[in-house]
Amino acid sequence: MTKKVYAPGLILLLSAVCLTSTASAQTSWWRTYGGAFEAGGYSVQQTSDGGYVVVGHTDPRGTGDYDMFLVKTDSAGDTLWTKAYRLSYYNEAHCIRQTVDGGYIITGYAGNGDTGDYDLYLIRTDAHGDTLWTRCYGGPNFDMGSCVRQTTDSGYIVTGHTGSFGDGQDDVWLVRTDKNGDSLWTKTFGGGAGWTVYQLADGGFIVAGSSGGIYLIRTTANGDTQWTRKYAGTDFEVGTELQLTADGGYIVTGYADSLDARGTDVRLIKTDSQGDTLWTRTYGGTRDDRGNSVQQTSDGGYMIAGATFSFGAGFADVYVVKTNASGDTLWTRTFGGTSYDWGYAVQQTTDGGYIIAGMTKSYGAGAPDHYNVYLIKTDANGNAIAEGPLAWHPTSPNRLAVRPNPFTSFARVPGHEADVFALSDITGRHVAICKGGRIGAGLRPGVYFLSPASLKTGKAVTIIKAAY
């Protein structure tokens, strides 16, 4: 059942809880998900079974009318199941959280692009992604949900932005619901948009967003404002995510005009519990660089994920920055190919590594014309794949055995389970990187060519994935 509620309010965006226990063994890989048409990922969370959930959008019909898209994977990134939710003509999911019963709560927006009437949606699912209920909040203009979290009473708090309520323009929107998604109250704040919300120990809420700069709002349990803070050091400054820190303060990321007019830089702001600035840092190069997600890490430092036009292999690459507790850079990494690749969410995983979600035009079934969901699992040092020498004979490719071949789920390369391989389709387009213990998982049925990831020339082994 879908219930539409016309009430004042506003809404925000996501971030996954930082999981800080470190296991002795770490895995690293990257995967793409989606079909030949558009797909993207905006939010990721490690689930209680050690796997991952990613939400975003998909265009399975190739019409430009997106569905909300949910991908559930195991710990190796192999797809367990996917779900698409079509609530209106155009649909996007921006945040997912696992609920205490093992199901999921999703927020985003859906509506009619011709009229501009988009509404904030909540979707509550069971552990298999099947819909239990949906709720719709909005008015005649553009309203969107960016972030949702379950509250201590099993209800939900959502933030985003509204063009239908408040002062008549875009306002930060905060929506509080009961466990069934029915509205308890809504609030609007100033102009702009909310991107992240947390419930605090006293039952109140902290909201981060953008309104003429990076914007923090501290409220009571009823949504009444206790204080606000605005950080606007340049002509253009945008806040994208906030996280609570171990000292009771906050860490906020976003992006802002560079002080030397070189485009935008990643911005990181550390505050105390009252939102007063302790320090700020900027990261980037000579072109546009953006921070979209931040997490405090188990060592007290921070991990930022976003996008860079300054570094990497393509027009834009996924950009990650690891800092110490003072915001000083420890290392940076880029991920992507020769086209456009974006990072939207990051979380530290239970093994001490990181999971990063975004979208890629460099890899996947949609490349190079369309984005696919891009999921990157790194080790603690931000490395996605540990490459090493391979026993490979370009003139005698059949010495590299693949079993079974053909296969329906995945194949293995005996004796090379830890080695890294590249897969390309029959047009020669690169479609995946995987290890020899699981070749072809997540690919559509078809003919593919397998070769070591480090191989530049030479023959490749032909493999066939059959339909179930």
Foldseek 3Di string as FASTA:
>chain_A
DEAEAEADFFFAADAEAFAAAADPDFAFWKAFAAAQFADKWFEKYQAPQQWMKTWWWYDNPNPPAIWIKIFTDHNQRFTPDMDTHADERHWIWAYWDQAPQQWIKIWWWDDDPVQQFIWIKIFTGHNVRHTPDMYTYADRHHGIWHHKDQDPQLWMKGWWWYCGDDPNHIWIGIFTGHNRRHTPHMDTDAHFIWHDKDQDPQLWMWTWWDDQATKIFTAHNRRHTPDMDGDHPDRFHIWADKDQAPQQWIKTWWWGQDPVRQEIWIKIFTDHNVRHTPDIDTDADRHHWIWQEKHQHNQQWMKTWWKHCGDDAANIWIKIFTDHNVRHTPDIDTDAHHYHWIWHYKYQGNNQWMKTWIWYQQAASNHVPYITIMIIIAHNVRHNADADDDPADQVCQVVFDWPPFAEAAFIAGPPFQRHKKWKDAPVRRTHGIDGRGGHPRNDDFHKIWIDGPPDDDGGTDIGTHDHD
